[in-house]
Amino acid sequence: MAEQKERKWPWMRILLIVSLGLNLLFVGLVVGAALRFGGPDSMRPPPRSLGSALYRALPEDVRQEMRQHSRTGHDTRRKGGFKDVGVIVASLRAVPFDAEGLKTVLDRQLVQREAFHRSIQDKWFDQITSMSDEERASYADRLEKVSHRKTHKK
């Protein structure tokens, strides 16, 4: 009579294979992230934009005024922007596709964003032109410090 080997716990082998697969997947993700982002030195946040530096160097009371101006313009812009989402969605689903209609909506959004940015820039420029020579020099010093700062404050 042939001796039959009785398999003990076949689910254990399946569990071991699944566990090994998950471990390899995790190690692959970690190695991939390290290769893509280059390790701890490149995990820093991206450099600040010029607009951010110009804003951060302003005195706190002026920044508060700029924030208020920005919120007012942003609220006005947002009301029109969300209305356009429906138009964009309809344009994307339309058969036949109306590329020109979609382009018109996107161009309108671009004009609105540009007007908003222009109003912020004009407000900043008004603040700068109203400063005395000493205030502008002090602002320039703060701007220089802000622009050379390598990391964000936490």
N, C-alpha and C. Protein backbone atom coordinates (compact mmCIF):
# COMPACT_ATOMS: atom_id res chain seq x y z
N MET A 1 0.83 -1.16 0.00
CA MET A 1 0.00 0.00 0.00
C MET A 1 0.88 1.23 0.00
N ALA A 2 0.58 2.13 -0.90
CA ALA A 2 1.38 3.36 -1.00
C ALA A 2 1.04 4.27 0.16
N GLU A 3 2.10 4.73 0.70
CA GLU A 3 1.92 5.62 1.85
C GLU A 3 1.53 7.01 1.36
N GLN A 4 0.42 7.46 1.83
CA GLN A 4 -0.04 8.81 1.45
C GLN A 4 0.41 9.80 2.48
N LYS A 5 1.01 10.87 1.96
CA LYS A 5 1.40 11.93 2.87
C LYS A 5 0.20 12.83 3.09
N GLU A 6 -0.10 12.99 4.30
CA GLU A 6 -1.22 13.87 4.63
C GLU A 6 -0.70 15.31 4.73
N ARG A 7 -1.32 16.19 3.98
CA ARG A 7 -0.89 17.59 4.03
C ARG A 7 -1.48 18.25 5.26
N LYS A 8 -0.60 18.85 5.99
CA LYS A 8 -1.06 19.56 7.17
C LYS A 8 -1.16 21.04 6.84
N TRP A 9 -2.23 21.62 7.13
CA TRP A 9 -2.47 23.06 7.04
C TRP A 9 -2.08 23.65 5.69
N PRO A 10 -2.74 23.34 4.61
CA PRO A 10 -2.38 23.91 3.31
C PRO A 10 -2.59 25.42 3.27
N TRP A 11 -3.45 25.93 4.11
CA TRP A 11 -3.69 27.38 4.15
C TRP A 11 -2.47 28.12 4.67
N MET A 12 -1.61 27.44 5.42
CA MET A 12 -0.40 28.07 5.97
C MET A 12 0.55 28.44 4.84
N ARG A 13 0.68 27.57 3.84
CA ARG A 13 1.54 27.85 2.70
C ARG A 13 1.00 29.07 1.92
N ILE A 14 -0.32 29.13 1.73
CA ILE A 14 -0.94 30.25 1.02
C ILE A 14 -0.71 31.55 1.80
N LEU A 15 -0.89 31.50 3.09
CA LEU A 15 -0.69 32.67 3.94
C LEU A 15 0.77 33.14 3.88
N LEU A 16 1.70 32.23 3.86
CA LEU A 16 3.12 32.57 3.77
C LEU A 16 3.42 33.26 2.44
N ILE A 17 2.87 32.75 1.35
CA ILE A 17 3.10 33.34 0.02
C ILE A 17 2.50 34.74 -0.05
N VAL A 18 1.29 34.90 0.46
CA VAL A 18 0.65 36.22 0.46
C VAL A 18 1.45 37.20 1.31
N SER A 19 1.89 36.77 2.47
CA SER A 19 2.68 37.63 3.36
C SER A 19 3.99 38.05 2.69
N LEU A 20 4.66 37.12 2.05
CA LEU A 20 5.90 37.43 1.34
C LEU A 20 5.64 38.44 0.22
N GLY A 21 4.56 38.25 -0.52
CA GLY A 21 4.20 39.18 -1.59
C GLY A 21 3.94 40.59 -1.06
N LEU A 22 3.22 40.69 0.04
CA LEU A 22 2.94 42.01 0.63
C LEU A 22 4.23 42.68 1.13
N ASN A 23 5.10 41.88 1.73
CA ASN A 23 6.38 42.43 2.19
C ASN A 23 7.21 42.95 1.02
N LEU A 24 7.26 42.19 -0.06
CA LEU A 24 8.01 42.63 -1.24
C LEU A 24 7.39 43.89 -1.84
N LEU A 25 6.08 43.97 -1.84
CA LEU A 25 5.39 45.17 -2.34
C LEU A 25 5.76 46.38 -1.49
N PHE A 26 5.74 46.23 -0.17
CA PHE A 26 6.09 47.33 0.72
C PHE A 26 7.54 47.78 0.52
N VAL A 27 8.45 46.85 0.45
CA VAL A 27 9.86 47.19 0.22
C VAL A 27 10.02 47.89 -1.13
N GLY A 28 9.30 47.43 -2.14
CA GLY A 28 9.35 48.08 -3.46
C GLY A 28 8.86 49.51 -3.41
N LEU A 29 7.79 49.74 -2.67
CA LEU A 29 7.28 51.12 -2.53
C LEU A 29 8.29 52.02 -1.83
N VAL A 30 8.90 51.53 -0.77
CA VAL A 30 9.88 52.34 -0.03
C VAL A 30 11.10 52.64 -0.90
N VAL A 31 11.62 51.64 -1.56
CA VAL A 31 12.78 51.84 -2.43
C VAL A 31 12.42 52.76 -3.59
N GLY A 32 11.26 52.58 -4.18
CA GLY A 32 10.82 53.44 -5.27
C GLY A 32 10.70 54.89 -4.84
N ALA A 33 10.12 55.12 -3.66
CA ALA A 33 9.99 56.48 -3.16
C ALA A 33 11.36 57.09 -2.89
N ALA A 34 12.27 56.31 -2.32
CA ALA A 34 13.61 56.82 -2.05
C ALA A 34 14.34 57.18 -3.35
N LEU A 35 14.19 56.34 -4.35
CA LEU A 35 14.84 56.64 -5.63
C LEU A 35 14.21 57.85 -6.32
N ARG A 36 12.90 57.94 -6.24
CA ARG A 36 12.21 59.05 -6.91
C ARG A 36 12.50 60.38 -6.24
N PHE A 37 12.45 60.39 -4.91
CA PHE A 37 12.59 61.66 -4.20
C PHE A 37 14.00 61.89 -3.67
N GLY A 38 14.86 60.94 -3.79
CA GLY A 38 16.26 61.13 -3.46
C GLY A 38 16.61 61.13 -1.99
N GLY A 39 15.76 60.66 -1.13
CA GLY A 39 16.10 60.57 0.28
C GLY A 39 15.77 61.83 1.06
N PRO A 40 16.23 61.89 2.31
CA PRO A 40 15.84 62.96 3.24
C PRO A 40 16.17 64.38 2.76
N ASP A 41 17.29 64.58 2.07
CA ASP A 41 17.65 65.94 1.66
C ASP A 41 16.65 66.53 0.68
N SER A 42 16.09 65.72 -0.17
CA SER A 42 15.15 66.26 -1.14
C SER A 42 13.71 66.15 -0.68
N MET A 43 13.49 65.79 0.56
CA MET A 43 12.15 65.73 1.12
C MET A 43 11.70 67.10 1.62
N ARG A 44 12.52 68.09 1.45
CA ARG A 44 12.17 69.44 1.86
C ARG A 44 11.05 69.96 0.98
N PRO A 45 10.28 70.92 1.52
CA PRO A 45 9.24 71.52 0.67
C PRO A 45 9.88 72.29 -0.47
N PRO A 46 9.13 72.49 -1.55
CA PRO A 46 9.70 73.23 -2.68
C PRO A 46 10.02 74.67 -2.29
N PRO A 47 10.91 75.32 -3.02
CA PRO A 47 11.25 76.70 -2.68
C PRO A 47 10.02 77.60 -2.80
N ARG A 48 10.04 78.63 -2.01
CA ARG A 48 8.94 79.58 -2.05
C ARG A 48 8.92 80.31 -3.37
N SER A 49 7.74 80.76 -3.73
CA SER A 49 7.60 81.54 -4.95
C SER A 49 7.99 82.99 -4.67
N LEU A 50 8.21 83.75 -5.73
CA LEU A 50 8.53 85.16 -5.59
C LEU A 50 7.38 85.89 -4.91
N GLY A 51 6.15 85.58 -5.32
CA GLY A 51 4.98 86.22 -4.71
C GLY A 51 4.90 85.95 -3.22
N SER A 52 5.22 84.73 -2.81
CA SER A 52 5.22 84.38 -1.40
C SER A 52 6.26 85.19 -0.63
N ALA A 53 7.45 85.32 -1.20
CA ALA A 53 8.51 86.09 -0.55
C ALA A 53 8.12 87.57 -0.45
N LEU A 54 7.56 88.11 -1.52
CA LEU A 54 7.13 89.52 -1.50
C LEU A 54 6.09 89.75 -0.42
N TYR A 55 5.19 88.80 -0.26
CA TYR A 55 4.14 88.90 0.75
C TYR A 55 4.69 88.75 2.16
N ARG A 56 5.52 87.74 2.39
CA ARG A 56 6.02 87.45 3.73
C ARG A 56 6.93 88.56 4.27
N ALA A 57 7.54 89.32 3.39
CA ALA A 57 8.43 90.39 3.84
C ALA A 57 7.65 91.66 4.24
N LEU A 58 6.37 91.72 3.90
CA LEU A 58 5.57 92.89 4.27
C LEU A 58 5.33 92.92 5.78
N PRO A 59 5.13 94.11 6.34
CA PRO A 59 4.76 94.20 7.76
C PRO A 59 3.42 93.49 8.01
N GLU A 60 3.21 93.02 9.21
CA GLU A 60 2.01 92.23 9.54
C GLU A 60 0.72 92.97 9.25
N ASP A 61 0.64 94.26 9.57
CA ASP A 61 -0.60 94.99 9.32
C ASP A 61 -0.91 95.09 7.82
N VAL A 62 0.12 95.23 7.01
CA VAL A 62 -0.07 95.30 5.55
C VAL A 62 -0.47 93.92 5.03
N ARG A 63 0.14 92.86 5.59
CA ARG A 63 -0.23 91.50 5.17
C ARG A 63 -1.70 91.23 5.50
N GLN A 64 -2.15 91.71 6.66
CA GLN A 64 -3.55 91.52 7.04
C GLN A 64 -4.46 92.21 6.03
N GLU A 65 -4.11 93.41 5.63
CA GLU A 65 -4.88 94.15 4.64
C GLU A 65 -4.89 93.42 3.29
N MET A 66 -3.73 92.88 2.91
CA MET A 66 -3.62 92.14 1.65
C MET A 66 -4.48 90.87 1.70
N ARG A 67 -4.47 90.18 2.86
CA ARG A 67 -5.30 88.98 3.01
C ARG A 67 -6.78 89.31 2.84
N GLN A 68 -7.19 90.41 3.46
CA GLN A 68 -8.59 90.81 3.35
C GLN A 68 -8.95 91.12 1.89
N HIS A 69 -8.08 91.84 1.21
CA HIS A 69 -8.29 92.16 -0.20
C HIS A 69 -8.36 90.88 -1.03
N SER A 70 -7.49 89.95 -0.73
CA SER A 70 -7.44 88.68 -1.45
C SER A 70 -8.72 87.89 -1.24
N ARG A 71 -9.20 87.83 0.00
CA ARG A 71 -10.42 87.07 0.29
C ARG A 71 -11.62 87.65 -0.45
N THR A 72 -11.71 88.96 -0.50
CA THR A 72 -12.82 89.61 -1.18
C THR A 72 -12.80 89.25 -2.67
N GLY A 73 -11.64 89.37 -3.29
CA GLY A 73 -11.52 89.03 -4.70
C GLY A 73 -11.72 87.55 -4.96
N HIS A 74 -11.24 86.72 -4.03
CA HIS A 74 -11.35 85.28 -4.21
C HIS A 74 -12.81 84.84 -4.13
N ASP A 75 -13.56 85.41 -3.20
CA ASP A 75 -14.97 85.05 -3.08
C ASP A 75 -15.74 85.40 -4.35
N THR A 76 -15.45 86.56 -4.93
CA THR A 76 -16.11 86.98 -6.15
C THR A 76 -15.74 86.04 -7.29
N ARG A 77 -14.48 85.68 -7.38
CA ARG A 77 -14.00 84.81 -8.45
C ARG A 77 -14.56 83.41 -8.31
N ARG A 78 -14.66 82.93 -7.07
CA ARG A 78 -15.13 81.57 -6.81
C ARG A 78 -16.57 81.38 -7.27
N LYS A 79 -17.42 82.38 -7.06
CA LYS A 79 -18.82 82.25 -7.45
C LYS A 79 -18.96 81.96 -8.94
N GLY A 80 -18.17 82.64 -9.75
CA GLY A 80 -18.21 82.40 -11.20
C GLY A 80 -17.54 81.10 -11.59
N GLY A 81 -16.50 80.73 -10.86
CA GLY A 81 -15.72 79.54 -11.21
C GLY A 81 -16.49 78.25 -11.05
N PHE A 82 -17.23 78.10 -9.96
CA PHE A 82 -17.97 76.87 -9.74
C PHE A 82 -19.14 76.75 -10.71
N LYS A 83 -19.66 77.86 -11.16
CA LYS A 83 -20.72 77.82 -12.17
C LYS A 83 -20.16 77.23 -13.46
N ASP A 84 -18.91 77.54 -13.75
CA ASP A 84 -18.28 77.05 -14.98
C ASP A 84 -17.99 75.55 -14.94
N VAL A 85 -17.92 74.95 -13.76
CA VAL A 85 -17.64 73.52 -13.68
C VAL A 85 -18.74 72.75 -14.41
N GLY A 86 -19.98 73.15 -14.22
CA GLY A 86 -21.09 72.49 -14.90
C GLY A 86 -20.97 72.61 -16.41
N VAL A 87 -20.55 73.78 -16.88
CA VAL A 87 -20.37 73.99 -18.32
C VAL A 87 -19.23 73.12 -18.84
N ILE A 88 -18.15 73.03 -18.07
CA ILE A 88 -17.00 72.21 -18.48
C ILE A 88 -17.40 70.74 -18.54
N VAL A 89 -18.11 70.27 -17.51
CA VAL A 89 -18.54 68.87 -17.48
C VAL A 89 -19.45 68.58 -18.68
N ALA A 90 -20.38 69.48 -18.95
CA ALA A 90 -21.27 69.29 -20.11
C ALA A 90 -20.48 69.28 -21.40
N SER A 91 -19.48 70.15 -21.51
CA SER A 91 -18.65 70.19 -22.72
C SER A 91 -17.87 68.90 -22.90
N LEU A 92 -17.37 68.35 -21.81
CA LEU A 92 -16.60 67.10 -21.89
C LEU A 92 -17.47 65.93 -22.31
N ARG A 93 -18.74 65.95 -21.91
CA ARG A 93 -19.63 64.83 -22.22
C ARG A 93 -20.34 65.00 -23.56
N ALA A 94 -20.30 66.18 -24.13
CA ALA A 94 -21.05 66.46 -25.36
C ALA A 94 -20.55 65.62 -26.53
N VAL A 95 -21.51 65.13 -27.30
CA VAL A 95 -21.20 64.40 -28.52
C VAL A 95 -22.00 65.06 -29.63
N PRO A 96 -21.39 65.67 -30.59
CA PRO A 96 -19.96 65.76 -30.82
C PRO A 96 -19.30 66.75 -29.86
N PHE A 97 -18.03 66.52 -29.59
CA PHE A 97 -17.25 67.34 -28.68
C PHE A 97 -17.08 68.75 -29.24
N ASP A 98 -17.39 69.76 -28.40
CA ASP A 98 -17.27 71.16 -28.80
C ASP A 98 -15.99 71.74 -28.20
N ALA A 99 -14.88 71.55 -28.87
CA ALA A 99 -13.58 72.02 -28.38
C ALA A 99 -13.57 73.54 -28.23
N GLU A 100 -14.17 74.25 -29.16
CA GLU A 100 -14.18 75.72 -29.10
C GLU A 100 -14.98 76.22 -27.90
N GLY A 101 -16.10 75.56 -27.60
CA GLY A 101 -16.90 75.94 -26.42
C GLY A 101 -16.11 75.75 -25.14
N LEU A 102 -15.42 74.62 -25.05
CA LEU A 102 -14.59 74.36 -23.87
C LEU A 102 -13.47 75.38 -23.77
N LYS A 103 -12.84 75.68 -24.88
CA LYS A 103 -11.75 76.67 -24.90
C LYS A 103 -12.26 78.03 -24.44
N THR A 104 -13.48 78.40 -24.82
CA THR A 104 -14.05 79.68 -24.41
C THR A 104 -14.21 79.75 -22.90
N VAL A 105 -14.70 78.67 -22.29
CA VAL A 105 -14.86 78.63 -20.83
C VAL A 105 -13.50 78.73 -20.15
N LEU A 106 -12.53 77.98 -20.63
CA LEU A 106 -11.19 78.01 -20.03
C LEU A 106 -10.55 79.39 -20.19
N ASP A 107 -10.75 80.02 -21.34
CA ASP A 107 -10.21 81.37 -21.54
C ASP A 107 -10.86 82.37 -20.59
N ARG A 108 -12.17 82.21 -20.37
CA ARG A 108 -12.86 83.10 -19.43
C ARG A 108 -12.29 82.92 -18.02
N GLN A 109 -12.02 81.67 -17.63
CA GLN A 109 -11.42 81.41 -16.32
C GLN A 109 -10.04 82.03 -16.22
N LEU A 110 -9.27 81.94 -17.29
CA LEU A 110 -7.94 82.53 -17.31
C LEU A 110 -8.01 84.04 -17.13
N VAL A 111 -8.94 84.69 -17.81
CA VAL A 111 -9.10 86.14 -17.69
C VAL A 111 -9.49 86.50 -16.26
N GLN A 112 -10.36 85.72 -15.63
CA GLN A 112 -10.76 85.99 -14.25
C GLN A 112 -9.58 85.83 -13.29
N ARG A 113 -8.79 84.77 -13.47
CA ARG A 113 -7.62 84.56 -12.61
C ARG A 113 -6.61 85.68 -12.80
N GLU A 114 -6.41 86.07 -14.05
CA GLU A 114 -5.46 87.14 -14.33
C GLU A 114 -5.91 88.45 -13.70
N ALA A 115 -7.21 88.75 -13.76
CA ALA A 115 -7.73 89.96 -13.14
C ALA A 115 -7.54 89.92 -11.63
N PHE A 116 -7.76 88.75 -11.04
CA PHE A 116 -7.56 88.60 -9.60
C PHE A 116 -6.10 88.84 -9.23
N HIS A 117 -5.19 88.21 -9.96
CA HIS A 117 -3.76 88.37 -9.69
C HIS A 117 -3.31 89.81 -9.92
N ARG A 118 -3.86 90.42 -10.95
CA ARG A 118 -3.53 91.82 -11.22
C ARG A 118 -3.98 92.71 -10.06
N SER A 119 -5.17 92.45 -9.51
CA SER A 119 -5.64 93.28 -8.39
C SER A 119 -4.74 93.12 -7.16
N ILE A 120 -4.26 91.90 -6.92
CA ILE A 120 -3.34 91.66 -5.79
C ILE A 120 -2.02 92.39 -6.05
N GLN A 121 -1.52 92.28 -7.26
CA GLN A 121 -0.26 92.96 -7.60
C GLN A 121 -0.42 94.47 -7.47
N ASP A 122 -1.52 95.01 -7.93
CA ASP A 122 -1.75 96.46 -7.82
C ASP A 122 -1.83 96.90 -6.37
N LYS A 123 -2.48 96.09 -5.53
CA LYS A 123 -2.57 96.40 -4.09
C LYS A 123 -1.17 96.40 -3.48
N TRP A 124 -0.36 95.40 -3.84
CA TRP A 124 1.02 95.34 -3.33
C TRP A 124 1.80 96.56 -3.80
N PHE A 125 1.66 96.90 -5.07
CA PHE A 125 2.39 98.04 -5.63
C PHE A 125 1.97 99.35 -4.94
N ASP A 126 0.68 99.51 -4.67
CA ASP A 126 0.21 100.69 -3.95
C ASP A 126 0.85 100.78 -2.56
N GLN A 127 0.96 99.63 -1.90
CA GLN A 127 1.60 99.61 -0.57
C GLN A 127 3.06 100.04 -0.66
N ILE A 128 3.76 99.52 -1.66
CA ILE A 128 5.18 99.82 -1.80
C ILE A 128 5.39 101.29 -2.14
N THR A 129 4.59 101.82 -3.05
CA THR A 129 4.77 103.22 -3.45
C THR A 129 4.38 104.18 -2.34
N SER A 130 3.57 103.75 -1.38
CA SER A 130 3.21 104.63 -0.27
C SER A 130 4.24 104.59 0.86
N MET A 131 5.22 103.71 0.78
CA MET A 131 6.25 103.61 1.83
C MET A 131 7.27 104.73 1.69
N SER A 132 7.84 105.09 2.82
CA SER A 132 8.95 106.05 2.81
C SER A 132 10.21 105.33 2.34
N ASP A 133 11.27 106.07 2.09
CA ASP A 133 12.54 105.46 1.67
C ASP A 133 13.03 104.47 2.71
N GLU A 134 12.91 104.84 3.99
CA GLU A 134 13.37 103.97 5.07
C GLU A 134 12.53 102.69 5.15
N GLU A 135 11.22 102.85 4.98
CA GLU A 135 10.34 101.69 5.03
C GLU A 135 10.63 100.74 3.86
N ARG A 136 10.87 101.28 2.70
CA ARG A 136 11.20 100.43 1.55
C ARG A 136 12.53 99.73 1.75
N ALA A 137 13.51 100.44 2.32
CA ALA A 137 14.81 99.81 2.58
C ALA A 137 14.66 98.68 3.60
N SER A 138 13.85 98.91 4.62
CA SER A 138 13.60 97.88 5.62
C SER A 138 12.88 96.69 4.98
N TYR A 139 11.93 96.98 4.12
CA TYR A 139 11.21 95.92 3.39
C TYR A 139 12.19 95.13 2.52
N ALA A 140 13.08 95.82 1.85
CA ALA A 140 14.08 95.15 1.00
C ALA A 140 14.95 94.23 1.84
N ASP A 141 15.33 94.66 3.05
CA ASP A 141 16.13 93.82 3.94
C ASP A 141 15.36 92.55 4.33
N ARG A 142 14.08 92.74 4.70
CA ARG A 142 13.26 91.58 5.08
C ARG A 142 13.06 90.65 3.88
N LEU A 143 12.87 91.22 2.71
CA LEU A 143 12.69 90.42 1.50
C LEU A 143 13.94 89.59 1.22
N GLU A 144 15.09 90.20 1.41
CA GLU A 144 16.34 89.48 1.19
C GLU A 144 16.46 88.31 2.17
N LYS A 145 16.10 88.54 3.44
CA LYS A 145 16.17 87.47 4.45
C LYS A 145 15.20 86.35 4.11
N VAL A 146 13.97 86.73 3.75
CA VAL A 146 12.96 85.73 3.44
C VAL A 146 13.37 84.90 2.23
N SER A 147 13.94 85.54 1.24
CA SER A 147 14.29 84.81 0.02
C SER A 147 15.48 83.87 0.21
N HIS A 148 16.30 84.13 1.23
CA HIS A 148 17.45 83.25 1.47
C HIS A 148 17.14 82.14 2.47
N ARG A 149 15.98 82.21 3.10
CA ARG A 149 15.61 81.18 4.06
C ARG A 149 15.38 79.88 3.31
N LYS A 150 16.00 78.81 3.77
CA LYS A 150 15.96 77.55 3.02
C LYS A 150 14.77 76.69 3.39
N THR A 151 14.26 76.81 4.59
CA THR A 151 13.14 75.97 4.99
C THR A 151 11.99 76.83 5.49
N HIS A 152 10.83 76.23 5.48
CA HIS A 152 9.65 76.90 6.01
C HIS A 152 9.67 76.83 7.53
N LYS A 153 9.14 77.85 8.18
CA LYS A 153 8.98 77.78 9.62
C LYS A 153 7.82 76.84 9.91
N LYS A 154 7.92 76.12 11.00
CA LYS A 154 6.83 75.22 11.36
C LYS A 154 6.07 75.80 12.51
